[in-house]
Structure formats: structure tokens, C-alpha cells
PDB file of all heavy atoms in Angstrom:
ATOM      1  N   HIS A   1       0.815  -1.216   0.000  1.00  0.00           N
ATOM      2  CA  HIS A   1       0.000   0.000   0.000  1.00  0.00           C
ATOM      3  C   HIS A   1       0.853   1.272   0.000  1.00  0.00           C
ATOM      4  O   HIS A   1       0.328   2.362   0.241  1.00  0.00           O
ATOM      5  CB  HIS A   1      -0.922   0.001   1.224  1.00  0.00           C
ATOM      6  CG  HIS A   1      -1.879  -1.148   1.266  1.00  0.00           C
ATOM      7  ND1 HIS A   1      -2.904  -1.298   0.355  1.00  0.00           N
ATOM      8  CD2 HIS A   1      -1.945  -2.218   2.094  1.00  0.00           C
ATOM      9  CE1 HIS A   1      -3.573  -2.411   0.631  1.00  0.00           C
ATOM     10  NE2 HIS A   1      -3.012  -2.989   1.685  1.00  0.00           N
ATOM     11  N   GLU A   2       2.154   1.147  -0.260  1.00  0.00           N
ATOM     12  CA  GLU A   2       3.040   2.313  -0.193  1.00  0.00           C
ATOM     13  C   GLU A   2       2.588   3.438  -1.124  1.00  0.00           C
ATOM     14  O   GLU A   2       2.588   4.610  -0.717  1.00  0.00           O
ATOM     15  CB  GLU A   2       4.477   1.910  -0.545  1.00  0.00           C
ATOM     16  CG  GLU A   2       5.435   3.101  -0.561  1.00  0.00           C
ATOM     17  CD  GLU A   2       6.822   2.746  -1.072  1.00  0.00           C
ATOM     18  OE1 GLU A   2       7.317   1.643  -0.750  1.00  0.00           O
ATOM     19  OE2 GLU A   2       7.405   3.575  -1.783  1.00  0.00           O
ATOM     20  N   ILE A   3       2.240   3.131  -2.355  1.00  0.00           N
ATOM     21  CA  ILE A   3       1.874   4.173  -3.316  1.00  0.00           C
ATOM     22  C   ILE A   3       0.716   5.010  -2.791  1.00  0.00           C
ATOM     23  O   ILE A   3       0.765   6.251  -2.767  1.00  0.00           O
ATOM     24  CB  ILE A   3       1.494   3.555  -4.677  1.00  0.00           C
ATOM     25  CG1 ILE A   3       2.658   2.739  -5.243  1.00  0.00           C
ATOM     26  CG2 ILE A   3       1.074   4.653  -5.657  1.00  0.00           C
ATOM     27  CD1 ILE A   3       3.934   3.506  -5.459  1.00  0.00           C
ATOM     28  N   GLU A   4      -0.318   4.342  -2.332  1.00  0.00           N
ATOM     29  CA  GLU A   4      -1.490   5.028  -1.795  1.00  0.00           C
ATOM     30  C   GLU A   4      -1.128   5.862  -0.561  1.00  0.00           C
ATOM     31  O   GLU A   4      -1.577   7.007  -0.415  1.00  0.00           O
ATOM     32  CB  GLU A   4      -2.531   3.969  -1.454  1.00  0.00           C
ATOM     33  CG  GLU A   4      -3.686   4.412  -0.593  1.00  0.00           C
ATOM     34  CD  GLU A   4      -4.497   3.219  -0.106  1.00  0.00           C
ATOM     35  OE1 GLU A   4      -4.418   2.131  -0.714  1.00  0.00           O
ATOM     36  OE2 GLU A   4      -5.193   3.378   0.911  1.00  0.00           O
ATOM     37  N   MET A   5      -0.307   5.317   0.330  1.00  0.00           N
ATOM     38  CA  MET A   5       0.057   6.039   1.547  1.00  0.00           C
ATOM     39  C   MET A   5       0.889   7.277   1.235  1.00  0.00           C
ATOM     40  O   MET A   5       0.715   8.327   1.869  1.00  0.00           O
ATOM     41  CB  MET A   5       0.825   5.120   2.504  1.00  0.00           C
ATOM     42  CG  MET A   5       0.027   3.948   3.012  1.00  0.00           C
ATOM     43  SD  MET A   5       0.923   3.005   4.268  1.00  0.00           S
ATOM     44  CE  MET A   5       0.719   4.085   5.677  1.00  0.00           C
ATOM     45  N   VAL A   6       1.781   7.173   0.282  1.00  0.00           N
ATOM     46  CA  VAL A   6       2.608   8.321  -0.085  1.00  0.00           C
ATOM     47  C   VAL A   6       1.748   9.413  -0.714  1.00  0.00           C
ATOM     48  O   VAL A   6       1.970  10.609  -0.470  1.00  0.00           O
ATOM     49  CB  VAL A   6       3.744   7.878  -1.037  1.00  0.00           C
ATOM     50  CG1 VAL A   6       4.417   9.089  -1.665  1.00  0.00           C
ATOM     51  CG2 VAL A   6       4.765   7.042  -0.274  1.00  0.00           C
ATOM     52  N   GLU A   7       0.766   9.032  -1.500  1.00  0.00           N
ATOM     53  CA  GLU A   7      -0.133  10.041  -2.076  1.00  0.00           C
ATOM     54  C   GLU A   7      -0.950  10.728  -0.986  1.00  0.00           C
ATOM     55  O   GLU A   7      -1.187  11.937  -1.039  1.00  0.00           O
ATOM     56  CB  GLU A   7      -1.038   9.388  -3.118  1.00  0.00           C
ATOM     57  CG  GLU A   7      -0.274   8.973  -4.373  1.00  0.00           C
ATOM     58  CD  GLU A   7      -1.117   8.181  -5.354  1.00  0.00           C
ATOM     59  OE1 GLU A   7      -2.225   7.722  -4.959  1.00  0.00           O
ATOM     60  OE2 GLU A   7      -0.672   8.005  -6.507  1.00  0.00           O
ATOM     61  N   GLU A   8      -1.370   9.975   0.020  1.00  0.00           N
ATOM     62  CA  GLU A   8      -2.087  10.571   1.148  1.00  0.00           C
ATOM     63  C   GLU A   8      -1.163  11.488   1.942  1.00  0.00           C
ATOM     64  O   GLU A   8      -1.586  12.567   2.397  1.00  0.00           O
ATOM     65  CB  GLU A   8      -2.649   9.472   2.042  1.00  0.00           C
ATOM     66  CG  GLU A   8      -3.756   8.670   1.392  1.00  0.00           C
ATOM     67  CD  GLU A   8      -4.098   7.393   2.136  1.00  0.00           C
ATOM     68  OE1 GLU A   8      -3.302   6.977   3.008  1.00  0.00           O
ATOM     69  OE2 GLU A   8      -5.160   6.813   1.852  1.00  0.00           O
ATOM     70  N   PHE A   9       0.094  11.070   2.101  1.00  0.00           N
ATOM     71  CA  PHE A   9       1.067  11.917   2.783  1.00  0.00           C
ATOM     72  C   PHE A   9       1.276  13.223   2.025  1.00  0.00           C
ATOM     73  O   PHE A   9       1.399  14.294   2.635  1.00  0.00           O
ATOM     74  CB  PHE A   9       2.402  11.192   2.938  1.00  0.00           C
ATOM     75  CG  PHE A   9       3.481  12.034   3.570  1.00  0.00           C
ATOM     76  CD1 PHE A   9       3.540  12.192   4.942  1.00  0.00           C
ATOM     77  CD2 PHE A   9       4.415  12.700   2.786  1.00  0.00           C
ATOM     78  CE1 PHE A   9       4.508  12.991   5.530  1.00  0.00           C
ATOM     79  CE2 PHE A   9       5.391  13.499   3.362  1.00  0.00           C
ATOM     80  CZ  PHE A   9       5.435  13.637   4.739  1.00  0.00           C
ATOM     81  N   ARG A  10       1.343  13.135   0.706  1.00  0.00           N
ATOM     82  CA  ARG A  10       1.507  14.346  -0.115  1.00  0.00           C
ATOM     83  C   ARG A  10       0.426  15.368   0.200  1.00  0.00           C
ATOM     84  O   ARG A  10       0.715  16.560   0.416  1.00  0.00           O
ATOM     85  CB  ARG A  10       1.449  13.969  -1.596  1.00  0.00           C
ATOM     86  CG  ARG A  10       1.439  15.168  -2.566  1.00  0.00           C
ATOM     87  CD  ARG A  10       0.845  14.760  -3.904  1.00  0.00           C
ATOM     88  NE  ARG A  10      -0.558  14.365  -3.763  1.00  0.00           N
ATOM     89  CZ  ARG A  10      -1.174  13.540  -4.595  1.00  0.00           C
ATOM     90  NH1 ARG A  10      -0.529  12.984  -5.615  1.00  0.00           N
ATOM     91  NH2 ARG A  10      -2.448  13.245  -4.411  1.00  0.00           N
ATOM     92  N   ASP A  11      -0.826  14.932   0.239  1.00  0.00           N
ATOM     93  CA  ASP A  11      -1.925  15.860   0.518  1.00  0.00           C
ATOM     94  C   ASP A  11      -1.780  16.469   1.912  1.00  0.00           C
ATOM     95  O   ASP A  11      -1.953  17.685   2.094  1.00  0.00           O
ATOM     96  CB  ASP A  11      -3.267  15.129   0.411  1.00  0.00           C
ATOM     97  CG  ASP A  11      -3.591  14.708  -1.020  1.00  0.00           C
ATOM     98  OD1 ASP A  11      -3.001  15.278  -1.962  1.00  0.00           O
ATOM     99  OD2 ASP A  11      -4.435  13.795  -1.181  1.00  0.00           O
ATOM    100  N   ALA A  12      -1.458  15.641   2.907  1.00  0.00           N
ATOM    101  CA  ALA A  12      -1.297  16.146   4.274  1.00  0.00           C
ATOM    102  C   ALA A  12      -0.125  17.119   4.355  1.00  0.00           C
ATOM    103  O   ALA A  12      -0.221  18.189   4.982  1.00  0.00           O
ATOM    104  CB  ALA A  12      -1.089  14.984   5.238  1.00  0.00           C
ATOM    105  N   HIS A  13       0.990  16.775   3.717  1.00  0.00           N
ATOM    106  CA  HIS A  13       2.182  17.609   3.740  1.00  0.00           C
ATOM    107  C   HIS A  13       1.918  18.982   3.133  1.00  0.00           C
ATOM    108  O   HIS A  13       2.261  20.021   3.712  1.00  0.00           O
ATOM    109  CB  HIS A  13       3.303  16.887   2.985  1.00  0.00           C
ATOM    110  CG  HIS A  13       4.532  17.696   2.781  1.00  0.00           C
ATOM    111  ND1 HIS A  13       4.744  18.470   1.646  1.00  0.00           N
ATOM    112  CD2 HIS A  13       5.627  17.882   3.565  1.00  0.00           C
ATOM    113  CE1 HIS A  13       5.904  19.071   1.738  1.00  0.00           C
ATOM    114  NE2 HIS A  13       6.452  18.736   2.895  1.00  0.00           N
ATOM    115  N   GLU A  14       1.288  19.000   1.968  1.00  0.00           N
ATOM    116  CA  GLU A  14       1.064  20.281   1.302  1.00  0.00           C
ATOM    117  C   GLU A  14       0.033  21.126   2.035  1.00  0.00           C
ATOM    118  O   GLU A  14       0.159  22.359   2.093  1.00  0.00           O
ATOM    119  CB  GLU A  14       0.668  20.027  -0.154  1.00  0.00           C
ATOM    120  CG  GLU A  14       1.827  19.427  -0.957  1.00  0.00           C
ATOM    121  CD  GLU A  14       1.497  19.129  -2.402  1.00  0.00           C
ATOM    122  OE1 GLU A  14       0.348  19.436  -2.832  1.00  0.00           O
ATOM    123  OE2 GLU A  14       2.361  18.578  -3.111  1.00  0.00           O
ATOM    124  N   ASN A  15      -0.976  20.488   2.632  1.00  0.00           N
ATOM    125  CA  ASN A  15      -1.930  21.243   3.449  1.00  0.00           C
ATOM    126  C   ASN A  15      -1.261  21.808   4.698  1.00  0.00           C
ATOM    127  O   ASN A  15      -1.535  22.947   5.106  1.00  0.00           O
ATOM    128  CB  ASN A  15      -3.098  20.343   3.859  1.00  0.00           C
ATOM    129  CG  ASN A  15      -4.028  20.031   2.709  1.00  0.00           C
ATOM    130  OD1 ASN A  15      -4.026  20.723   1.695  1.00  0.00           O
ATOM    131  ND2 ASN A  15      -4.821  18.985   2.843  1.00  0.00           N
ATOM    132  N   ALA A  16      -0.374  21.030   5.307  1.00  0.00           N
ATOM    133  CA  ALA A  16       0.334  21.509   6.495  1.00  0.00           C
ATOM    134  C   ALA A  16       1.226  22.701   6.156  1.00  0.00           C
ATOM    135  O   ALA A  16       1.361  23.636   6.960  1.00  0.00           O
ATOM    136  CB  ALA A  16       1.161  20.379   7.097  1.00  0.00           C
ATOM    137  N   ARG A  17       1.840  22.660   4.995  1.00  0.00           N
ATOM    138  CA  ARG A  17       2.711  23.765   4.583  1.00  0.00           C
ATOM    139  C   ARG A  17       1.929  25.077   4.483  1.00  0.00           C
ATOM    140  O   ARG A  17       2.460  26.150   4.784  1.00  0.00           O
ATOM    141  CB  ARG A  17       3.358  23.449   3.229  1.00  0.00           C
ATOM    142  CG  ARG A  17       4.482  22.417   3.317  1.00  0.00           C
ATOM    143  CD  ARG A  17       5.717  23.038   3.982  1.00  0.00           C
ATOM    144  NE  ARG A  17       6.808  22.088   4.081  1.00  0.00           N
ATOM    145  CZ  ARG A  17       7.129  21.395   5.162  1.00  0.00           C
ATOM    146  NH1 ARG A  17       6.386  21.521   6.265  1.00  0.00           N
ATOM    147  NH2 ARG A  17       8.163  20.584   5.175  1.00  0.00           N
ATOM    148  N   GLU A  18       0.666  25.002   4.090  1.00  0.00           N
ATOM    149  CA  GLU A  18      -0.156  26.207   3.980  1.00  0.00           C
ATOM    150  C   GLU A  18      -0.365  26.879   5.335  1.00  0.00           C
ATOM    151  O   GLU A  18      -0.648  28.072   5.406  1.00  0.00           O
ATOM    152  CB  GLU A  18      -1.508  25.864   3.365  1.00  0.00           C
ATOM    153  CG  GLU A  18      -1.430  25.420   1.913  1.00  0.00           C
ATOM    154  CD  GLU A  18      -2.795  25.051   1.351  1.00  0.00           C
ATOM    155  OE1 GLU A  18      -3.803  25.222   2.086  1.00  0.00           O
ATOM    156  OE2 GLU A  18      -2.859  24.606   0.197  1.00  0.00           O
ATOM    157  N   HIS A  19      -0.200  26.083   6.412  1.00  0.00           N
ATOM    158  CA  HIS A  19      -0.429  26.606   7.765  1.00  0.00           C
ATOM    159  C   HIS A  19       0.853  26.670   8.595  1.00  0.00           C
ATOM    160  O   HIS A  19       0.787  26.866   9.818  1.00  0.00           O
ATOM    161  CB  HIS A  19      -1.458  25.731   8.490  1.00  0.00           C
ATOM    162  CG  HIS A  19      -2.792  25.656   7.808  1.00  0.00           C
ATOM    163  ND1 HIS A  19      -3.614  26.752   7.659  1.00  0.00           N
ATOM    164  CD2 HIS A  19      -3.431  24.616   7.209  1.00  0.00           C
ATOM    165  CE1 HIS A  19      -4.718  26.389   7.028  1.00  0.00           C
ATOM    166  NE2 HIS A  19      -4.625  25.098   6.740  1.00  0.00           N
ATOM    167  N   ASP A  20       2.009  26.529   7.935  1.00  0.00           N
ATOM    168  CA  ASP A  20       3.297  26.560   8.647  1.00  0.00           C
ATOM    169  C   ASP A  20       3.361  25.532   9.772  1.00  0.00           C
ATOM    170  O   ASP A  20       3.916  25.785  10.844  1.00  0.00           O
ATOM    171  CB  ASP A  20       3.585  27.959   9.215  1.00  0.00           C
ATOM    172  CG  ASP A  20       4.084  28.923   8.158  1.00  0.00           C
ATOM    173  OD1 ASP A  20       4.613  28.455   7.131  1.00  0.00           O
ATOM    174  OD2 ASP A  20       3.937  30.145   8.345  1.00  0.00           O
ATOM    175  N   MET A  21       2.797  24.360   9.517  1.00  0.00           N
ATOM    176  CA  MET A  21       2.792  23.289  10.519  1.00  0.00           C
ATOM    177  C   MET A  21       3.853  22.251  10.157  1.00  0.00           C
ATOM    178  O   MET A  21       3.810  21.671   9.066  1.00  0.00           O
ATOM    179  CB  MET A  21       1.413  22.623  10.593  1.00  0.00           C
ATOM    180  CG  MET A  21       0.297  23.559  10.984  1.00  0.00           C
ATOM    181  SD  MET A  21      -1.346  22.756  10.883  1.00  0.00           S
ATOM    182  CE  MET A  21      -1.307  21.721  12.354  1.00  0.00           C
ATOM    183  N   PRO A  22       4.821  21.986  11.031  1.00  0.00           N
ATOM    184  CA  PRO A  22       5.800  20.932  10.760  1.00  0.00           C
ATOM    185  C   PRO A  22       5.126  19.571  10.594  1.00  0.00           C
ATOM    186  O   PRO A  22       4.078  19.302  11.185  1.00  0.00           O
ATOM    187  CB  PRO A  22       6.694  20.945  12.007  1.00  0.00           C
ATOM    188  CG  PRO A  22       6.515  22.301  12.598  1.00  0.00           C
ATOM    189  CD  PRO A  22       5.095  22.681  12.303  1.00  0.00           C
ATOM    190  N   VAL A  23       5.775  18.727   9.805  1.00  0.00           N
ATOM    191  CA  VAL A  23       5.254  17.390   9.528  1.00  0.00           C
ATOM    192  C   VAL A  23       6.270  16.348   9.993  1.00  0.00           C
ATOM    193  O   VAL A  23       7.438  16.378   9.594  1.00  0.00           O
ATOM    194  CB  VAL A  23       4.977  17.199   8.027  1.00  0.00           C
ATOM    195  CG1 VAL A  23       4.419  15.807   7.761  1.00  0.00           C
ATOM    196  CG2 VAL A  23       4.020  18.271   7.509  1.00  0.00           C
ATOM    197  N   VAL A  24       5.811  15.437  10.851  1.00  0.00           N
ATOM    198  CA  VAL A  24       6.642  14.342  11.332  1.00  0.00           C
ATOM    199  C   VAL A  24       6.184  13.065  10.639  1.00  0.00           C
ATOM    200  O   VAL A  24       5.000  12.723  10.698  1.00  0.00           O
ATOM    201  CB  VAL A  24       6.525  14.177  12.858  1.00  0.00           C
ATOM    202  CG1 VAL A  24       7.410  13.027  13.343  1.00  0.00           C
ATOM    203  CG2 VAL A  24       6.895  15.485  13.565  1.00  0.00           C
TER     204      VAL A  24
END
């Protein structure tokens, strides 16, 4: 399921960047 998880991470990462929120 890596491909799907990485795509989900992409969405979370880019949304977090809009709010200056670090991503772990």
C-alpha cells in the first residue's frame, strides 16, 4: 500500500505547509 500512503502523505504535507505546521 506504499503508493497510496505516499499520495495521502503528499496531501497532508502540502496542506500543512499552507499553515506553517511541521510534519513528522
